[in-house]
Amino acid sequence: MLTAFATEGTPMNNRRVLGALALLLAAGTTACSSGPTYDDSAKECRDALVSRPAEDTGKPKECEPLGEEDYTALVAAVAVERLGWTDENGEFDENRMREDGLDD
């Protein structure tokens, strides 16, 4: 199949084509793997949301790579955490929410 790129099927041209393809593949792999993963971006976003003041409602730049649903879920999770409605495992605790409501 690669012989279509070579003139008269010379081995030197085949090697050049294979070498060029190998370089392109290596460059593409490096470019794709050099950025943070989606999970890394989510962790950075969560950290930014936790560290910002509660009254700040702007979307942190660390959250830009996330989809809107994931960003909204992180904002809600941080809000629930700040309200003290999570247990020692970081899970939502309905009883803590109800107890908090009874204090009003």
N, C-alpha and C. Protein backbone atom coordinates (compact mmCIF):
# COMPACT_ATOMS: atom_id res chain seq x y z
N MET A 1 0.82 -1.18 0.00
CA MET A 1 0.00 0.00 0.00
C MET A 1 0.87 1.26 0.00
N LEU A 2 1.94 1.27 0.77
CA LEU A 2 2.82 2.43 0.79
C LEU A 2 3.63 2.57 -0.48
N THR A 3 3.71 1.52 -1.27
CA THR A 3 4.48 1.61 -2.51
C THR A 3 3.84 2.57 -3.49
N ALA A 4 2.59 2.94 -3.28
CA ALA A 4 1.95 3.90 -4.16
C ALA A 4 2.61 5.27 -4.05
N PHE A 5 3.26 5.54 -2.93
CA PHE A 5 3.94 6.81 -2.73
C PHE A 5 5.36 6.80 -3.28
N ALA A 6 5.89 5.66 -3.54
CA ALA A 6 7.27 5.54 -4.00
C ALA A 6 7.31 5.55 -5.53
N THR A 7 8.37 6.11 -6.07
CA THR A 7 8.54 6.06 -7.52
C THR A 7 9.27 4.79 -7.86
N GLU A 8 8.66 4.03 -8.70
CA GLU A 8 9.26 2.77 -9.16
C GLU A 8 9.55 1.83 -7.99
N GLY A 9 8.86 1.97 -6.84
CA GLY A 9 9.01 1.03 -5.74
C GLY A 9 10.38 1.01 -5.11
N THR A 10 11.10 2.11 -5.12
CA THR A 10 12.43 2.13 -4.53
C THR A 10 12.35 2.03 -3.02
N PRO A 11 13.20 1.19 -2.41
CA PRO A 11 13.17 1.01 -0.95
C PRO A 11 13.43 2.31 -0.20
N MET A 12 14.24 3.20 -0.75
CA MET A 12 14.56 4.45 -0.06
C MET A 12 13.32 5.31 0.11
N ASN A 13 12.48 5.39 -0.90
CA ASN A 13 11.27 6.19 -0.80
C ASN A 13 10.29 5.57 0.20
N ASN A 14 10.22 4.26 0.23
CA ASN A 14 9.36 3.59 1.21
C ASN A 14 9.81 3.90 2.63
N ARG A 15 11.10 3.91 2.84
CA ARG A 15 11.63 4.23 4.18
C ARG A 15 11.31 5.67 4.56
N ARG A 16 11.40 6.56 3.60
CA ARG A 16 11.08 7.97 3.89
C ARG A 16 9.62 8.13 4.28
N VAL A 17 8.76 7.45 3.54
CA VAL A 17 7.33 7.54 3.85
C VAL A 17 7.05 6.95 5.23
N LEU A 18 7.62 5.79 5.51
CA LEU A 18 7.42 5.17 6.82
C LEU A 18 7.99 6.03 7.93
N GLY A 19 9.15 6.64 7.70
CA GLY A 19 9.75 7.52 8.69
C GLY A 19 8.89 8.74 8.95
N ALA A 20 8.35 9.32 7.88
CA ALA A 20 7.48 10.49 8.03
C ALA A 20 6.21 10.12 8.79
N LEU A 21 5.63 8.97 8.47
CA LEU A 21 4.44 8.53 9.19
C LEU A 21 4.73 8.29 10.67
N ALA A 22 5.88 7.71 10.97
CA ALA A 22 6.26 7.47 12.36
C ALA A 22 6.42 8.79 13.11
N LEU A 23 7.02 9.79 12.47
CA LEU A 23 7.18 11.10 13.10
C LEU A 23 5.83 11.77 13.34
N LEU A 24 4.94 11.67 12.37
CA LEU A 24 3.61 12.26 12.54
C LEU A 24 2.84 11.58 13.67
N LEU A 25 2.94 10.28 13.74
CA LEU A 25 2.28 9.54 14.80
C LEU A 25 2.84 9.92 16.17
N ALA A 26 4.15 10.03 16.27
CA ALA A 26 4.78 10.41 17.54
C ALA A 26 4.39 11.82 17.94
N ALA A 27 4.36 12.74 16.98
CA ALA A 27 4.00 14.12 17.27
C ALA A 27 2.54 14.21 17.71
N GLY A 28 1.67 13.46 17.05
CA GLY A 28 0.25 13.46 17.42
C GLY A 28 0.02 12.88 18.79
N THR A 29 0.72 11.83 19.12
CA THR A 29 0.59 11.21 20.44
C THR A 29 1.07 12.16 21.53
N THR A 30 2.17 12.83 21.30
CA THR A 30 2.70 13.78 22.27
C THR A 30 1.75 14.95 22.45
N ALA A 31 1.21 15.47 21.36
CA ALA A 31 0.31 16.61 21.44
C ALA A 31 -0.96 16.26 22.20
N CYS A 32 -1.47 15.07 21.98
CA CYS A 32 -2.71 14.67 22.64
C CYS A 32 -2.51 14.38 24.13
N SER A 33 -1.37 13.91 24.51
CA SER A 33 -1.17 13.51 25.90
C SER A 33 -0.50 14.58 26.75
N SER A 34 -0.19 15.74 26.16
CA SER A 34 0.55 16.74 26.91
C SER A 34 -0.33 17.57 27.83
N GLY A 35 -1.62 17.66 27.56
CA GLY A 35 -2.51 18.46 28.38
C GLY A 35 -3.07 17.68 29.55
N PRO A 36 -3.73 18.39 30.47
CA PRO A 36 -4.33 17.70 31.61
C PRO A 36 -5.52 16.85 31.17
N THR A 37 -5.77 15.79 31.89
CA THR A 37 -6.93 14.95 31.59
C THR A 37 -8.19 15.67 32.06
N TYR A 38 -9.34 15.15 31.67
CA TYR A 38 -10.61 15.74 32.09
C TYR A 38 -10.75 15.64 33.61
N ASP A 39 -10.32 14.51 34.18
CA ASP A 39 -10.36 14.35 35.64
C ASP A 39 -9.46 15.36 36.33
N ASP A 40 -8.28 15.61 35.77
CA ASP A 40 -7.37 16.62 36.34
C ASP A 40 -8.04 17.99 36.30
N SER A 41 -8.69 18.30 35.18
CA SER A 41 -9.38 19.58 35.06
C SER A 41 -10.50 19.70 36.08
N ALA A 42 -11.23 18.61 36.32
CA ALA A 42 -12.31 18.62 37.31
C ALA A 42 -11.75 18.86 38.71
N LYS A 43 -10.63 18.24 39.04
CA LYS A 43 -10.01 18.44 40.36
C LYS A 43 -9.53 19.87 40.52
N GLU A 44 -8.92 20.43 39.46
CA GLU A 44 -8.46 21.82 39.52
C GLU A 44 -9.65 22.76 39.67
N CYS A 45 -10.74 22.46 38.98
CA CYS A 45 -11.95 23.28 39.09
C CYS A 45 -12.50 23.23 40.51
N ARG A 46 -12.59 22.04 41.08
CA ARG A 46 -13.11 21.90 42.44
C ARG A 46 -12.25 22.68 43.43
N ASP A 47 -10.93 22.56 43.28
CA ASP A 47 -10.02 23.30 44.16
C ASP A 47 -10.25 24.80 44.04
N ALA A 48 -10.45 25.28 42.81
CA ALA A 48 -10.69 26.70 42.59
C ALA A 48 -12.02 27.13 43.22
N LEU A 49 -13.04 26.30 43.10
CA LEU A 49 -14.34 26.62 43.69
C LEU A 49 -14.27 26.65 45.21
N VAL A 50 -13.55 25.72 45.80
CA VAL A 50 -13.43 25.66 47.26
C VAL A 50 -12.66 26.87 47.79
N SER A 51 -11.65 27.30 47.07
CA SER A 51 -10.78 28.37 47.57
C SER A 51 -11.33 29.77 47.30
N ARG A 52 -12.33 29.91 46.45
CA ARG A 52 -12.85 31.25 46.17
C ARG A 52 -13.87 31.65 47.24
N PRO A 53 -14.09 32.95 47.41
CA PRO A 53 -15.09 33.42 48.38
C PRO A 53 -16.49 32.93 48.00
N ALA A 54 -17.32 32.66 48.98
CA ALA A 54 -18.66 32.12 48.74
C ALA A 54 -19.51 33.04 47.88
N GLU A 55 -19.30 34.34 47.99
CA GLU A 55 -20.12 35.29 47.23
C GLU A 55 -19.68 35.44 45.77
N ASP A 56 -18.54 34.90 45.43
CA ASP A 56 -18.04 34.95 44.05
C ASP A 56 -18.81 33.94 43.21
N THR A 57 -19.50 34.42 42.19
CA THR A 57 -20.33 33.53 41.37
C THR A 57 -19.78 33.35 39.96
N GLY A 58 -18.64 33.95 39.67
CA GLY A 58 -18.05 33.78 38.34
C GLY A 58 -17.45 32.40 38.15
N LYS A 59 -17.36 31.98 36.91
CA LYS A 59 -16.78 30.67 36.60
C LYS A 59 -15.27 30.80 36.56
N PRO A 60 -14.56 30.09 37.44
CA PRO A 60 -13.09 30.16 37.44
C PRO A 60 -12.51 29.63 36.13
N LYS A 61 -11.37 30.18 35.74
CA LYS A 61 -10.73 29.75 34.49
C LYS A 61 -10.37 28.27 34.52
N GLU A 62 -10.10 27.73 35.71
CA GLU A 62 -9.77 26.31 35.84
C GLU A 62 -10.95 25.42 35.45
N CYS A 63 -12.15 25.99 35.44
CA CYS A 63 -13.35 25.21 35.13
C CYS A 63 -13.74 25.27 33.66
N GLU A 64 -13.06 26.07 32.87
CA GLU A 64 -13.41 26.22 31.46
C GLU A 64 -13.41 24.92 30.67
N PRO A 65 -12.49 23.97 30.91
CA PRO A 65 -12.50 22.73 30.12
C PRO A 65 -13.69 21.81 30.40
N LEU A 66 -14.42 22.07 31.48
CA LEU A 66 -15.51 21.17 31.87
C LEU A 66 -16.79 21.48 31.11
N GLY A 67 -17.58 20.44 30.90
CA GLY A 67 -18.91 20.60 30.33
C GLY A 67 -19.81 21.30 31.35
N GLU A 68 -20.90 21.89 30.87
CA GLU A 68 -21.78 22.66 31.73
C GLU A 68 -22.40 21.81 32.85
N GLU A 69 -22.79 20.58 32.53
CA GLU A 69 -23.39 19.71 33.56
C GLU A 69 -22.38 19.36 34.65
N ASP A 70 -21.15 19.07 34.27
CA ASP A 70 -20.13 18.73 35.26
C ASP A 70 -19.79 19.94 36.12
N TYR A 71 -19.70 21.11 35.49
CA TYR A 71 -19.42 22.34 36.24
C TYR A 71 -20.54 22.61 37.25
N THR A 72 -21.78 22.49 36.81
CA THR A 72 -22.93 22.73 37.70
C THR A 72 -22.93 21.74 38.87
N ALA A 73 -22.61 20.49 38.59
CA ALA A 73 -22.54 19.48 39.65
C ALA A 73 -21.46 19.82 40.67
N LEU A 74 -20.31 20.29 40.20
CA LEU A 74 -19.23 20.67 41.13
C LEU A 74 -19.63 21.88 41.97
N VAL A 75 -20.29 22.87 41.36
CA VAL A 75 -20.74 24.04 42.11
C VAL A 75 -21.71 23.61 43.21
N ALA A 76 -22.65 22.72 42.87
CA ALA A 76 -23.62 22.24 43.86
C ALA A 76 -22.92 21.45 44.97
N ALA A 77 -21.97 20.61 44.61
CA ALA A 77 -21.25 19.81 45.60
C ALA A 77 -20.47 20.69 46.57
N VAL A 78 -19.84 21.73 46.05
CA VAL A 78 -19.08 22.64 46.92
C VAL A 78 -20.04 23.40 47.84
N ALA A 79 -21.20 23.80 47.32
CA ALA A 79 -22.19 24.50 48.14
C ALA A 79 -22.69 23.61 49.28
N VAL A 80 -22.99 22.36 48.97
CA VAL A 80 -23.46 21.41 49.99
C VAL A 80 -22.37 21.20 51.04
N GLU A 81 -21.14 21.12 50.58
CA GLU A 81 -20.01 20.95 51.50
C GLU A 81 -19.87 22.16 52.43
N ARG A 82 -19.99 23.36 51.86
CA ARG A 82 -19.86 24.58 52.67
C ARG A 82 -20.98 24.70 53.70
N LEU A 83 -22.15 24.20 53.35
CA LEU A 83 -23.28 24.26 54.28
C LEU A 83 -23.15 23.24 55.40
N GLY A 84 -22.18 22.34 55.29
CA GLY A 84 -21.97 21.33 56.33
C GLY A 84 -22.91 20.14 56.20
N TRP A 85 -23.42 19.92 55.01
CA TRP A 85 -24.38 18.84 54.79
C TRP A 85 -23.72 17.57 54.27
N THR A 86 -22.46 17.38 54.55
CA THR A 86 -21.77 16.16 54.13
C THR A 86 -21.28 15.40 55.36
N ASP A 87 -21.17 14.10 55.20
CA ASP A 87 -20.66 13.28 56.30
C ASP A 87 -19.14 13.22 56.25
N GLU A 88 -18.56 12.41 57.11
CA GLU A 88 -17.09 12.32 57.17
C GLU A 88 -16.46 11.75 55.90
N ASN A 89 -17.27 11.11 55.05
CA ASN A 89 -16.77 10.58 53.78
C ASN A 89 -16.97 11.56 52.62
N GLY A 90 -17.52 12.73 52.91
CA GLY A 90 -17.77 13.71 51.87
C GLY A 90 -19.07 13.47 51.11
N GLU A 91 -19.89 12.55 51.59
CA GLU A 91 -21.17 12.23 50.95
C GLU A 91 -22.26 13.12 51.54
N PHE A 92 -23.26 13.45 50.72
CA PHE A 92 -24.40 14.23 51.18
C PHE A 92 -25.10 13.49 52.31
N ASP A 93 -25.40 14.22 53.40
CA ASP A 93 -26.07 13.65 54.57
C ASP A 93 -27.40 14.39 54.76
N GLU A 94 -28.48 13.74 54.38
CA GLU A 94 -29.80 14.36 54.45
C GLU A 94 -30.16 14.76 55.88
N ASN A 95 -29.76 13.96 56.86
CA ASN A 95 -30.06 14.28 58.25
C ASN A 95 -29.40 15.59 58.68
N ARG A 96 -28.19 15.83 58.24
CA ARG A 96 -27.51 17.09 58.58
C ARG A 96 -28.24 18.27 57.95
N MET A 97 -28.74 18.06 56.74
CA MET A 97 -29.49 19.13 56.08
C MET A 97 -30.77 19.41 56.86
N ARG A 98 -31.47 18.37 57.28
CA ARG A 98 -32.72 18.55 58.03
C ARG A 98 -32.46 19.20 59.39
N GLU A 99 -31.41 18.77 60.06
CA GLU A 99 -31.06 19.37 61.35
C GLU A 99 -30.75 20.84 61.18
N ASP A 100 -30.07 21.18 60.12
CA ASP A 100 -29.74 22.58 59.85
C ASP A 100 -31.01 23.38 59.61
N GLY A 101 -31.98 22.78 58.94
CA GLY A 101 -33.25 23.46 58.68
C GLY A 101 -34.07 23.67 59.93
N LEU A 102 -33.94 22.78 60.90
CA LEU A 102 -34.68 22.90 62.16
C LEU A 102 -34.13 24.00 63.04
N ASP A 103 -32.88 24.37 62.82
CA ASP A 103 -32.25 25.40 63.65
C ASP A 103 -32.78 26.79 63.33
N ASP A 104 -33.42 26.96 62.19
CA ASP A 104 -33.89 28.30 61.78
C ASP A 104 -35.07 28.76 62.56
